Amino acid sequence: MHLKRFKRGFLPSKDPASYFSHFTELNSVNAWGQQLPQLLLEDDFREQAQGWLIPFWPEDKIVPQHYSELRLYYMRLAFIASGYINQVGQTVSKRLPANIAQPLIQVSKLLSRPPILSYDGYALYNWYRLDPSQPIELGNIDTLQNFVDLYDEHWFILVHVAIEALSAEMIYKMVQLDPNNVEQLNTTLACIDDTLKQQYAILKRIPEHMSADLYFSHFRPYIGFFDDVVYEGKNSMRGSYRGETGAQSSILPMLTAFLKIPHQETELTQHLNDMCDYMPKAHRELVQYFDSLPEVKSKASINLFNRVLEHIAQFREQHFEWAKSYINQKTPDATGTGGTPYYKWLNQLIRETRQYKIKPQPIKLNTLEFMVGNICDLDVQAIVRPAHKNIYKGRGVSMEIFDKAGPELLKACEKIGRAKQGEAVITPAFNLLCDAVIHVVPPHWDGGDHWACQSLKELSNCYENAITLALKNNITTLAFVSVGTGGNQFPHAMAAHQALEVLVRHQHKFHKLIICLSNKNSHGIWLKAYHDFQYRLSLKKTA
């Protein structure tokens, strides 16, 4: 596997060429491509284009040092071809003239791909950096080629480029992985999970600079499929080809192959398989490589594996939401630009991805663990945090949880507002390793017989309500800190004994139930409390 090919994920390893330095005779193609948005506004565009003397690519094989310019040639030519067939304001053409068709057929054969504009030409090869010393990211990239002079189309393309740019480290770790090394596997899954979260955040930015009306009416038609189009000329041919679509990105097919997500064989999955033919050859080969590897599900961390699947499903759901907003609300036709019935297709993929999650089997063993560490670093589905009555407030470990989760957790807590002592509420975990955070409001220790009883009851309620909420949300791996023993000033041993009354009673319902403590002294107090509790329990059984 040539890792250098993928040092930028599925983007080219070098910035795309913007002009022809090796073959200057091709710069006429560059000029026509650059003028295309203005030319497509003219009623006689097709007549003009039929008269262009488009030179063929001057080589009959791929020469590595010319590869970037070969991609530029394909991109310009494919844009011109799609502009000709699908010119907005004109009847869709069923014939592509020989002066465009034959050079496009030639370059497509060289690149082992169908002769139509696909995701690679529309996005992967279609960008440049405003500042070459800065990253490939939104704000520092723009497009080389467009169909229309609207920033909406630039933004649509650039969002996809930015998503692709994030894949580099993920692909590197996946290719380097020894599937039998559990630690390396889980590190790789954590990287995939983090990458998907970042890609999802960029995908959500589509509406910032893209109007649904302009997308649907002004530039979506140009990336539509070719239906029974005649490619005129010496090597005349007739064909139907899928138009450009995000489904031709290699990211999700690669992850599907790596994770072995099964999709029921239907007409829809045949569409999915067809999309691979529109990917660059090296990308298809990488997907096939991951498909050939042994399964990783049985060795993976349940939490990490399921979280990756959930983020894949969420990414597809966001794609689905944009499809509804930008397409479905504009037309009753549920066919995408790639010629796929996207409405049914995406729903099937989302459902089957979630169905593939590891479903823990109930166990009846002692699952209670005590450890010294940082609760933010644990491989569990949820963590429990002690909160103020205003749950967006907290001290100590709470502040660290807020810092690592990012500003979204604070906003979610502010939206909930207040909770009573002993109550528990749940929010997403955002940038934390876990999926959810359960917030409990412990009482303040006041001492005295009456107030002590009341405080201990409310402390028990914190544990009881947190566990109830966890089980209600299908959480089977859960971690607590020592609730109430920080700023709430509960005596540590007393708080531990009170907590264990609840934890031991419910431990059989969990695969993992952890008490995460900040130091060895606290760890010793909890262990002693646990042994004392077990001793008292044994006395009751023998009485």
Protein backbone atom coordinates (compact mmCIF):
# COMPACT_ATOMS: atom_id res chain seq x y z
CA MET A 1 0.00 0.00 0.00
CA HIS A 2 1.53 3.32 -1.12
CA LEU A 3 0.92 5.53 1.91
CA LYS A 4 2.33 8.59 0.14
CA ARG A 5 -0.73 8.55 -2.12
CA PHE A 6 -2.95 9.12 0.91
CA LYS A 7 -0.88 11.58 2.96
CA ARG A 8 -3.76 14.04 2.44
CA GLY A 9 -6.52 11.47 2.67
CA PHE A 10 -8.26 11.15 -0.67
CA LEU A 11 -7.11 14.57 -1.88
CA PRO A 12 -4.11 14.64 -4.26
CA SER A 13 -0.76 14.36 -2.47
CA LYS A 14 0.28 17.63 -4.14
CA ASP A 15 -1.90 20.70 -4.63
CA PRO A 16 -3.84 20.42 -7.93
CA ALA A 17 -2.36 22.05 -11.03
CA SER A 18 -4.08 25.24 -12.21
CA TYR A 19 -2.39 25.53 -15.61
CA PHE A 20 -0.45 23.39 -18.12
CA SER A 21 3.28 23.93 -17.74
CA HIS A 22 4.38 20.77 -19.60
CA PHE A 23 1.89 21.00 -22.46
CA THR A 24 1.19 24.66 -23.16
CA GLU A 25 -0.93 23.77 -26.20
CA LEU A 26 -3.60 22.63 -23.73
CA ASN A 27 -4.03 26.07 -22.20
CA SER A 28 -6.89 26.70 -24.63
CA VAL A 29 -8.82 24.07 -22.61
CA ASN A 30 -7.91 25.99 -19.47
CA ALA A 31 -9.21 29.22 -20.97
CA TRP A 32 -12.54 27.68 -22.02
CA GLY A 33 -12.92 26.16 -18.57
CA GLN A 34 -12.28 29.47 -16.84
CA GLN A 35 -14.81 31.23 -19.12
CA LEU A 36 -17.42 28.49 -18.73
CA PRO A 37 -19.68 30.25 -16.14
CA GLN A 38 -20.10 33.23 -18.50
CA LEU A 39 -20.39 31.10 -21.65
CA LEU A 40 -23.18 28.96 -20.14
CA LEU A 41 -25.32 32.10 -19.82
CA GLU A 42 -25.32 32.49 -23.62
CA ASP A 43 -28.06 30.85 -25.70
CA ASP A 44 -25.58 29.92 -28.44
CA PHE A 45 -23.06 28.29 -26.08
CA ARG A 46 -23.50 24.89 -27.72
CA GLU A 47 -22.90 26.32 -31.19
CA GLN A 48 -19.74 28.02 -29.94
CA ALA A 49 -18.49 24.87 -28.21
CA GLN A 50 -18.98 22.76 -31.34
CA GLY A 51 -16.43 24.96 -33.08
CA TRP A 52 -13.69 24.63 -30.47
CA LEU A 53 -10.53 22.79 -31.57
CA ILE A 54 -9.92 20.84 -28.37
CA PRO A 55 -6.52 19.12 -28.39
CA PHE A 56 -6.20 15.53 -27.18
CA TRP A 57 -4.05 14.67 -24.19
CA PRO A 58 -0.61 14.23 -25.83
CA GLU A 59 0.37 10.95 -24.12
CA ASP A 60 -1.05 7.43 -24.36
CA LYS A 61 -0.07 6.44 -20.83
CA ILE A 62 0.09 8.04 -17.39
CA VAL A 63 3.44 9.71 -16.67
CA PRO A 64 3.71 10.36 -12.89
CA GLN A 65 5.24 13.84 -13.21
CA HIS A 66 2.37 14.87 -15.52
CA TYR A 67 -0.39 13.36 -13.38
CA SER A 68 -1.53 16.66 -11.83
CA GLU A 69 -1.97 18.24 -15.27
CA LEU A 70 -3.77 15.13 -16.55
CA ARG A 71 -6.31 15.58 -13.75
CA LEU A 72 -6.66 19.27 -14.62
CA TYR A 73 -7.30 18.34 -18.27
CA TYR A 74 -9.96 15.80 -17.25
CA MET A 75 -11.59 18.28 -14.84
CA ARG A 76 -11.85 21.12 -17.39
CA LEU A 77 -13.09 18.80 -20.13
CA ALA A 78 -15.64 17.04 -17.91
CA PHE A 79 -17.04 20.39 -16.74
CA ILE A 80 -17.37 21.50 -20.37
CA ALA A 81 -19.13 18.22 -21.28
CA SER A 82 -21.62 18.45 -18.39
CA GLY A 83 -22.22 22.11 -19.17
CA TYR A 84 -22.98 21.20 -22.78
CA ILE A 85 -25.39 18.34 -21.98
CA ASN A 86 -27.17 19.98 -19.04
CA GLN A 87 -27.05 23.69 -19.93
CA VAL A 88 -29.58 25.48 -17.70
CA GLY A 89 -32.32 27.18 -19.69
CA GLN A 90 -31.93 24.77 -22.62
CA THR A 91 -33.36 21.34 -23.39
CA VAL A 92 -31.07 18.56 -22.15
CA SER A 93 -28.90 17.43 -25.04
CA LYS A 94 -28.72 13.76 -25.98
CA ARG A 95 -25.56 14.17 -28.05
CA LEU A 96 -22.05 15.27 -27.11
CA PRO A 97 -20.16 16.60 -30.15
CA ALA A 98 -17.03 14.77 -31.27
CA ASN A 99 -14.63 17.65 -30.48
CA ILE A 100 -15.60 17.30 -26.78
CA ALA A 101 -16.60 13.62 -26.66
CA GLN A 102 -13.46 12.03 -28.12
CA PRO A 103 -10.88 13.84 -25.94
CA LEU A 104 -13.08 13.10 -22.90
CA ILE A 105 -13.26 9.39 -23.80
CA GLN A 106 -9.47 9.32 -24.23
CA VAL A 107 -8.62 10.92 -20.89
CA SER A 108 -11.27 8.88 -19.06
CA LYS A 109 -9.73 5.63 -20.35
CA LEU A 110 -6.32 6.79 -19.15
CA LEU A 111 -7.78 7.43 -15.69
CA SER A 112 -9.78 4.13 -15.71
CA ARG A 113 -13.08 5.94 -15.17
CA PRO A 114 -16.40 6.65 -16.93
CA PRO A 115 -16.46 9.66 -19.33
CA ILE A 116 -18.43 12.09 -17.16
CA LEU A 117 -17.74 14.64 -14.42
CA SER A 118 -17.68 12.84 -11.06
CA TYR A 119 -16.88 13.73 -7.45
CA ASP A 120 -13.14 13.57 -8.09
CA GLY A 121 -13.21 16.26 -10.80
CA TYR A 122 -15.87 18.34 -9.08
CA ALA A 123 -14.22 18.37 -5.63
CA LEU A 124 -11.03 16.34 -5.10
CA TYR A 125 -9.03 18.03 -7.89
CA ASN A 126 -10.90 21.34 -7.86
CA TRP A 127 -9.21 23.59 -5.28
CA TYR A 128 -6.22 25.72 -4.52
CA ARG A 129 -4.89 27.29 -1.34
CA LEU A 130 -5.04 31.05 -0.92
CA ASP A 131 -1.96 30.81 1.31
CA PRO A 132 0.10 27.72 0.35
CA SER A 133 1.79 27.72 3.76
CA GLN A 134 -1.53 27.28 5.60
CA PRO A 135 -3.74 24.14 5.95
CA ILE A 136 -6.32 22.91 3.47
CA GLU A 137 -9.37 24.21 5.31
CA LEU A 138 -12.35 26.50 4.88
CA GLY A 139 -11.17 30.09 4.69
CA ASN A 140 -7.90 29.15 2.96
CA ILE A 141 -9.20 27.38 -0.16
CA ASP A 142 -11.12 28.29 -3.29
CA THR A 143 -12.20 26.45 -6.43
CA LEU A 144 -10.41 26.24 -9.79
CA GLN A 145 -13.56 25.59 -11.84
CA ASN A 146 -17.29 26.30 -11.55
CA PHE A 147 -20.46 26.18 -13.57
CA VAL A 148 -21.85 29.46 -12.21
CA ASP A 149 -20.50 32.74 -10.85
CA LEU A 150 -22.13 32.25 -7.47
CA TYR A 151 -20.17 31.76 -4.23
CA ASP A 152 -22.87 29.22 -3.28
CA GLU A 153 -21.33 26.71 -5.68
CA HIS A 154 -17.81 27.50 -4.47
CA TRP A 155 -18.94 26.84 -0.88
CA PHE A 156 -20.71 23.60 -1.79
CA ILE A 157 -17.51 22.25 -3.35
CA LEU A 158 -15.17 23.62 -0.68
CA VAL A 159 -17.14 22.05 2.20
CA HIS A 160 -16.48 18.65 0.59
CA VAL A 161 -12.79 19.46 0.06
CA ALA A 162 -12.44 20.44 3.73
CA ILE A 163 -14.16 17.20 4.82
CA GLU A 164 -11.79 15.14 2.66
CA ALA A 165 -8.72 16.96 4.02
CA LEU A 166 -9.46 15.68 7.53
CA SER A 167 -9.11 12.00 6.54
CA ALA A 168 -5.31 11.83 6.30
CA GLU A 169 -4.42 10.68 9.83
CA MET A 170 -7.38 8.31 9.94
CA ILE A 171 -6.34 6.57 6.72
CA TYR A 172 -2.70 6.40 7.86
CA LYS A 173 -3.66 4.65 11.11
CA MET A 174 -6.05 2.29 9.29
CA VAL A 175 -3.42 1.22 6.74
CA GLN A 176 -0.75 0.72 9.46
CA LEU A 177 -3.09 -1.30 11.68
CA ASP A 178 -2.31 -4.81 12.83
CA PRO A 179 -5.89 -6.14 13.27
CA ASN A 180 -4.70 -8.51 16.02
CA ASN A 181 -3.26 -5.68 18.14
CA VAL A 182 -6.23 -4.68 20.32
CA GLU A 183 -4.58 -1.55 21.72
CA GLN A 184 -3.66 -0.32 18.23
CA LEU A 185 -7.14 -1.16 16.97
CA ASN A 186 -8.82 0.92 19.67
CA THR A 187 -6.41 3.81 19.06
CA THR A 188 -7.39 3.66 15.38
CA LEU A 189 -11.11 3.58 16.22
CA ALA A 190 -10.65 6.61 18.49
CA CYS A 191 -8.97 8.46 15.59
CA ILE A 192 -11.81 7.50 13.22
CA ASP A 193 -14.34 8.68 15.78
CA ASP A 194 -12.60 12.04 16.23
CA THR A 195 -12.29 12.50 12.45
CA LEU A 196 -15.99 11.77 11.88
CA LYS A 197 -16.97 14.31 14.55
CA GLN A 198 -14.89 17.00 12.82
CA GLN A 199 -16.25 16.06 9.38
CA TYR A 200 -19.82 16.15 10.69
CA ALA A 201 -19.24 19.65 12.10
CA ILE A 202 -18.08 20.86 8.65
CA LEU A 203 -20.99 19.18 6.84
CA LYS A 204 -23.41 21.07 9.10
CA ARG A 205 -21.97 24.35 7.79
CA ILE A 206 -23.48 23.92 4.29
CA PRO A 207 -26.28 26.51 4.84
CA GLU A 208 -23.83 29.24 5.89
CA HIS A 209 -23.18 30.23 2.26
CA MET A 210 -25.48 28.07 0.12
CA SER A 211 -29.04 28.96 -0.78
CA ALA A 212 -31.37 26.01 -1.37
CA ASP A 213 -33.09 27.89 -4.21
CA LEU A 214 -29.84 28.76 -6.00
CA TYR A 215 -28.46 25.24 -5.54
CA PHE A 216 -31.54 23.59 -6.98
CA SER A 217 -32.11 25.93 -9.92
CA HIS A 218 -28.67 27.26 -10.86
CA PHE A 219 -25.98 24.60 -10.45
CA ARG A 220 -27.46 21.27 -9.39
CA PRO A 221 -28.73 20.61 -12.94
CA TYR A 222 -25.15 20.69 -14.26
CA ILE A 223 -24.01 17.77 -12.11
CA GLY A 224 -26.93 15.57 -13.18
CA PHE A 225 -26.55 12.16 -14.81
CA PHE A 226 -26.21 11.48 -18.55
CA ASP A 227 -29.21 9.48 -19.79
CA ASP A 228 -28.58 7.60 -23.04
CA VAL A 229 -26.14 10.19 -24.40
CA VAL A 230 -24.41 9.65 -27.76
CA TYR A 231 -20.69 10.45 -27.71
CA GLU A 232 -20.11 11.42 -31.33
CA GLY A 233 -16.93 10.94 -33.37
CA LYS A 234 -14.55 8.26 -34.61
CA ASN A 235 -15.02 6.05 -31.55
CA SER A 236 -18.72 6.80 -31.24
CA MET A 237 -20.52 5.33 -28.26
CA ARG A 238 -23.82 5.62 -26.43
CA GLY A 239 -24.07 5.49 -22.67
CA SER A 240 -25.84 6.40 -19.46
CA TYR A 241 -23.65 7.57 -16.58
CA ARG A 242 -24.22 8.67 -13.03
CA GLY A 243 -23.71 12.36 -12.30
CA GLU A 244 -21.54 13.86 -9.59
CA THR A 245 -22.66 13.04 -6.04
CA GLY A 246 -21.14 12.95 -2.57
CA ALA A 247 -21.87 9.22 -2.61
CA GLN A 248 -18.80 8.91 -4.88
CA SER A 249 -16.54 10.00 -2.02
CA SER A 250 -14.43 7.07 -0.82
CA ILE A 251 -14.58 7.92 2.90
CA LEU A 252 -17.75 6.07 3.93
CA PRO A 253 -17.26 3.10 1.54
CA MET A 254 -13.76 2.69 3.05
CA LEU A 255 -15.14 2.73 6.60
CA THR A 256 -17.96 0.37 5.62
CA ALA A 257 -15.38 -2.08 4.23
CA PHE A 258 -13.05 -1.72 7.24
CA LEU A 259 -15.81 -2.22 9.83
CA LYS A 260 -17.60 -4.85 7.70
CA ILE A 261 -20.98 -3.08 8.00
CA PRO A 262 -23.43 -5.41 6.24
CA HIS A 263 -25.99 -3.93 3.88
CA GLN A 264 -28.79 -6.12 2.57
CA GLU A 265 -28.42 -6.89 -1.14
CA THR A 266 -31.04 -4.80 -2.91
CA GLU A 267 -31.25 -2.59 -5.96
CA LEU A 268 -30.07 0.19 -3.66
CA THR A 269 -26.85 -1.57 -2.68
CA GLN A 270 -26.17 -2.19 -6.38
CA HIS A 271 -26.29 1.60 -6.80
CA LEU A 272 -23.80 1.83 -3.93
CA ASN A 273 -21.44 -0.65 -5.59
CA ASP A 274 -21.73 1.21 -8.90
CA MET A 275 -20.51 4.39 -7.22
CA CYS A 276 -17.10 2.75 -6.71
CA ASP A 277 -16.58 2.76 -10.50
CA TYR A 278 -16.64 6.57 -10.39
CA MET A 279 -13.88 6.79 -7.77
CA PRO A 280 -10.21 7.16 -8.76
CA LYS A 281 -8.56 3.78 -9.30
CA ALA A 282 -6.23 4.11 -6.26
CA HIS A 283 -9.23 4.88 -4.04
CA ARG A 284 -11.14 1.83 -5.31
CA GLU A 285 -8.09 -0.32 -4.58
CA LEU A 286 -7.85 1.02 -1.03
CA VAL A 287 -11.52 0.20 -0.39
CA GLN A 288 -10.91 -3.32 -1.76
CA TYR A 289 -7.85 -3.68 0.49
CA PHE A 290 -9.88 -2.90 3.62
CA ASP A 291 -12.62 -5.22 2.41
CA SER A 292 -10.06 -8.06 2.31
CA LEU A 293 -8.94 -7.60 5.93
CA PRO A 294 -10.34 -9.74 8.76
CA GLU A 295 -13.18 -8.34 10.84
CA VAL A 296 -12.32 -6.13 13.82
CA LYS A 297 -15.67 -6.08 15.59
CA SER A 298 -14.94 -9.00 17.91
CA LYS A 299 -11.69 -7.43 19.19
CA ALA A 300 -12.80 -3.78 19.43
CA SER A 301 -13.84 -1.78 22.46
CA ILE A 302 -17.64 -1.98 22.51
CA ASN A 303 -17.92 1.70 23.32
CA LEU A 304 -15.51 2.87 20.59
CA PHE A 305 -16.89 0.54 17.92
CA ASN A 306 -20.49 1.57 18.61
CA ARG A 307 -19.55 5.24 18.78
CA VAL A 308 -17.92 5.10 15.33
CA LEU A 309 -21.05 3.45 13.92
CA GLU A 310 -23.24 6.10 15.53
CA HIS A 311 -21.16 8.92 14.04
CA ILE A 312 -21.33 7.30 10.59
CA ALA A 313 -25.12 7.12 10.98
CA GLN A 314 -25.25 10.75 12.14
CA PHE A 315 -23.13 11.87 9.17
CA ARG A 316 -25.53 10.08 6.81
CA GLU A 317 -28.50 11.60 8.65
CA GLN A 318 -27.10 15.09 8.13
CA HIS A 319 -26.60 14.29 4.43
CA PHE A 320 -30.21 13.12 4.40
CA GLU A 321 -31.38 16.36 6.05
CA TRP A 322 -29.62 18.45 3.42
CA ALA A 323 -31.09 16.26 0.66
CA LYS A 324 -34.56 16.94 2.06
CA SER A 325 -33.96 20.68 2.45
CA TYR A 326 -32.15 21.29 -0.83
CA ILE A 327 -33.89 18.78 -3.12
CA ASN A 328 -36.97 17.05 -1.75
CA GLN A 329 -38.76 20.28 -0.84
CA LYS A 330 -38.21 21.51 -4.41
CA THR A 331 -39.36 18.49 -6.41
CA PRO A 332 -41.35 15.26 -5.98
CA ASP A 333 -38.57 13.43 -7.88
CA ALA A 334 -36.60 11.45 -5.27
CA THR A 335 -33.71 10.73 -7.65
CA GLY A 336 -30.34 12.25 -6.82
CA THR A 337 -27.75 13.65 -9.24
CA GLY A 338 -26.07 10.24 -9.24
CA GLY A 339 -29.31 8.67 -10.50
CA THR A 340 -30.04 7.02 -7.14
CA PRO A 341 -33.31 7.00 -5.16
CA TYR A 342 -31.51 8.74 -2.29
CA TYR A 343 -34.55 8.95 0.00
CA LYS A 344 -34.88 5.18 0.36
CA TRP A 345 -31.17 4.58 -0.01
CA LEU A 346 -29.96 6.79 2.83
CA ASN A 347 -32.65 5.52 5.19
CA GLN A 348 -31.57 1.94 4.54
CA LEU A 349 -27.88 2.73 5.13
CA ILE A 350 -28.60 4.62 8.36
CA ARG A 351 -30.82 1.85 9.74
CA GLU A 352 -28.41 -0.97 8.90
CA THR A 353 -25.40 0.92 10.27
CA ARG A 354 -27.07 1.28 13.67
CA GLN A 355 -28.24 -2.34 13.62
CA TYR A 356 -24.59 -3.45 13.36
CA LYS A 357 -23.68 -2.04 16.77
CA ILE A 358 -22.36 -4.52 19.33
CA LYS A 359 -25.21 -5.48 21.62
CA PRO A 360 -23.84 -6.35 25.07
CA GLN A 361 -25.17 -9.55 26.59
CA PRO A 362 -26.49 -9.28 30.19
CA ILE A 363 -23.99 -10.53 32.77
CA LYS A 364 -24.47 -11.34 36.44
CA LEU A 365 -20.90 -10.98 37.66
CA ASN A 366 -19.43 -8.43 40.05
CA THR A 367 -18.77 -5.53 37.69
CA LEU A 368 -17.88 -2.88 40.24
CA GLU A 369 -14.38 -1.44 39.79
CA PHE A 370 -12.37 1.08 41.80
CA MET A 371 -9.53 2.97 40.19
CA VAL A 372 -7.37 6.10 40.43
CA GLY A 373 -7.43 8.19 37.28
CA ASN A 374 -9.13 10.85 35.21
CA ILE A 375 -12.80 10.10 34.53
CA CYS A 376 -12.57 12.00 31.21
CA ASP A 377 -10.16 9.35 29.86
CA LEU A 378 -12.29 6.26 30.56
CA ASP A 379 -13.66 3.96 27.87
CA VAL A 380 -17.29 4.04 29.01
CA GLN A 381 -20.58 5.11 27.47
CA ALA A 382 -21.33 7.71 30.15
CA ILE A 383 -19.75 9.48 33.10
CA VAL A 384 -21.49 10.99 36.14
CA ARG A 385 -20.56 14.49 37.22
CA PRO A 386 -21.50 16.27 40.48
CA ALA A 387 -23.21 19.56 39.65
CA HIS A 388 -24.50 22.68 41.36
CA LYS A 389 -28.29 23.24 41.45
CA ASN A 390 -27.59 25.44 38.44
CA ILE A 391 -26.17 22.47 36.57
CA TYR A 392 -23.99 24.62 34.34
CA LYS A 393 -21.94 25.41 37.44
CA GLY A 394 -19.39 23.22 39.19
CA ARG A 395 -15.93 22.97 40.67
CA GLY A 396 -12.94 20.64 40.53
CA VAL A 397 -13.57 17.67 38.26
CA SER A 398 -16.67 19.40 36.84
CA MET A 399 -14.54 22.20 35.43
CA GLU A 400 -12.22 19.70 33.77
CA ILE A 401 -15.20 17.89 32.23
CA PHE A 402 -16.50 21.19 30.83
CA ASP A 403 -13.06 22.08 29.46
CA LYS A 404 -12.61 18.76 27.66
CA ALA A 405 -16.20 18.57 26.39
CA GLY A 406 -16.01 21.99 24.75
CA PRO A 407 -18.49 24.91 24.89
CA GLU A 408 -21.42 22.81 23.64
CA LEU A 409 -21.71 21.00 27.01
CA LEU A 410 -21.99 24.29 28.89
CA LYS A 411 -24.67 25.48 26.44
CA ALA A 412 -26.61 22.22 26.89
CA CYS A 413 -26.48 22.60 30.69
CA GLU A 414 -27.52 26.26 30.52
CA LYS A 415 -30.52 25.20 28.43
CA ILE A 416 -31.61 22.74 31.15
CA GLY A 417 -31.02 25.30 33.90
CA ARG A 418 -31.66 24.06 37.43
CA ALA A 419 -32.17 20.68 39.09
CA LYS A 420 -33.10 19.67 42.63
CA GLN A 421 -30.79 17.94 45.09
CA GLY A 422 -30.66 14.22 44.35
CA GLU A 423 -31.92 14.67 40.79
CA ALA A 424 -30.09 13.50 37.66
CA VAL A 425 -30.21 14.86 34.09
CA ILE A 426 -28.41 13.70 30.95
CA THR A 427 -26.73 15.51 28.05
CA PRO A 428 -24.52 14.48 25.12
CA ALA A 429 -20.79 14.37 25.92
CA PHE A 430 -19.75 16.38 22.84
CA ASN A 431 -15.90 16.30 22.65
CA LEU A 432 -15.42 13.85 25.53
CA LEU A 433 -14.54 10.21 24.81
CA CYS A 434 -17.84 8.97 26.23
CA ASP A 435 -21.27 9.38 24.62
CA ALA A 436 -23.14 11.07 27.47
CA VAL A 437 -22.71 12.96 30.72
CA ILE A 438 -25.14 12.42 33.60
CA HIS A 439 -25.29 15.41 35.94
CA VAL A 440 -26.34 14.85 39.57
CA VAL A 441 -26.91 17.46 42.28
CA PRO A 442 -25.45 16.24 45.61
CA PRO A 443 -26.53 17.81 48.90
CA HIS A 444 -24.21 19.73 51.19
CA TRP A 445 -23.14 17.87 54.35
CA ASP A 446 -24.50 19.72 57.39
CA GLY A 447 -24.08 17.11 60.14
CA GLY A 448 -26.57 16.62 63.00
CA ASP A 449 -29.02 13.71 63.20
CA HIS A 450 -31.94 15.11 61.17
CA TRP A 451 -29.92 16.91 58.55
CA ALA A 452 -27.46 14.04 58.26
CA CYS A 453 -30.28 11.59 57.47
CA GLN A 454 -31.76 13.98 54.93
CA SER A 455 -28.38 14.61 53.30
CA LEU A 456 -27.53 10.90 53.12
CA LYS A 457 -30.90 10.14 51.50
CA GLU A 458 -30.33 12.82 48.86
CA LEU A 459 -26.81 11.50 48.24
CA SER A 460 -28.27 8.00 47.70
CA ASN A 461 -30.77 9.54 45.30
CA CYS A 462 -27.91 10.93 43.23
CA TYR A 463 -26.60 7.42 42.61
CA GLU A 464 -30.04 5.84 42.26
CA ASN A 465 -31.32 8.43 39.77
CA ALA A 466 -28.09 8.39 37.76
CA ILE A 467 -28.30 4.60 37.41
CA THR A 468 -32.01 4.74 36.48
CA LEU A 469 -31.28 7.35 33.82
CA ALA A 470 -28.35 5.33 32.48
CA LEU A 471 -30.42 2.16 32.13
CA LYS A 472 -33.25 4.10 30.51
CA ASN A 473 -30.74 5.26 27.86
CA ASN A 474 -29.32 1.74 27.27
CA ILE A 475 -26.02 2.61 28.95
CA THR A 476 -24.20 -0.47 30.23
CA THR A 477 -20.77 1.01 30.99
CA LEU A 478 -20.86 3.86 33.51
CA ALA A 479 -18.33 5.72 35.65
CA PHE A 480 -18.85 7.82 38.80
CA VAL A 481 -16.52 10.09 40.71
CA SER A 482 -16.88 10.16 44.48
CA VAL A 483 -20.03 12.29 44.56
CA GLY A 484 -20.39 14.82 47.37
CA THR A 485 -16.94 14.50 48.91
CA GLY A 486 -15.43 17.61 47.34
CA GLY A 487 -16.94 21.03 47.90
CA ASN A 488 -20.07 19.44 49.40
CA GLN A 489 -17.91 18.23 52.31
CA PHE A 490 -19.31 14.74 52.93
CA PRO A 491 -17.00 12.60 55.06
CA HIS A 492 -15.34 10.32 52.53
CA ALA A 493 -15.95 6.99 54.27
CA MET A 494 -19.59 7.84 55.01
CA ALA A 495 -20.22 8.90 51.39
CA ALA A 496 -18.61 5.68 50.12
CA HIS A 497 -20.76 3.45 52.38
CA GLN A 498 -23.91 5.29 51.29
CA ALA A 499 -23.01 4.98 47.59
CA LEU A 500 -22.23 1.27 47.86
CA GLU A 501 -25.72 0.54 49.19
CA VAL A 502 -26.96 1.59 45.74
CA LEU A 503 -24.09 0.50 43.50
CA VAL A 504 -23.88 -3.10 44.77
CA ARG A 505 -27.63 -3.52 44.36
CA HIS A 506 -27.48 -2.51 40.67
CA GLN A 507 -24.05 -3.73 39.59
CA HIS A 508 -25.39 -6.87 37.87
CA LYS A 509 -27.23 -4.65 35.36
CA PHE A 510 -23.99 -3.23 33.97
CA HIS A 511 -21.04 -4.57 32.02
CA LYS A 512 -18.82 -2.06 33.69
CA LEU A 513 -19.49 0.13 36.73
CA ILE A 514 -16.50 2.24 37.79
CA ILE A 515 -15.73 4.50 40.73
CA CYS A 516 -12.97 6.77 39.46
CA LEU A 517 -11.02 8.40 42.29
CA SER A 518 -8.55 11.25 42.24
CA ASN A 519 -5.85 9.82 44.52
CA LYS A 520 -4.61 6.70 46.31
CA ASN A 521 -5.93 7.83 49.67
CA SER A 522 -9.50 8.04 48.36
CA HIS A 523 -9.02 4.71 46.59
CA GLY A 524 -8.04 3.09 49.89
CA ILE A 525 -11.08 4.54 51.68
CA TRP A 526 -13.46 3.18 49.01
CA LEU A 527 -11.83 -0.26 49.00
CA LYS A 528 -12.11 -0.48 52.80
CA ALA A 529 -15.74 0.66 52.62
CA TYR A 530 -16.42 -2.04 50.01
CA HIS A 531 -14.82 -4.80 52.08
CA ASP A 532 -16.73 -3.61 55.17
CA PHE A 533 -19.94 -3.66 53.15
CA GLN A 534 -19.28 -7.20 51.86
CA TYR A 535 -18.47 -8.35 55.41
CA ARG A 536 -21.75 -6.94 56.77
CA LEU A 537 -23.56 -8.56 53.87
CA SER A 538 -22.04 -11.96 54.69
CA LEU A 539 -23.07 -11.61 58.35
CA LYS A 540 -26.67 -10.98 57.29
CA LYS A 541 -26.65 -14.09 55.11
CA THR A 542 -25.38 -16.31 57.94
CA ALA A 543 -27.66 -14.81 60.60
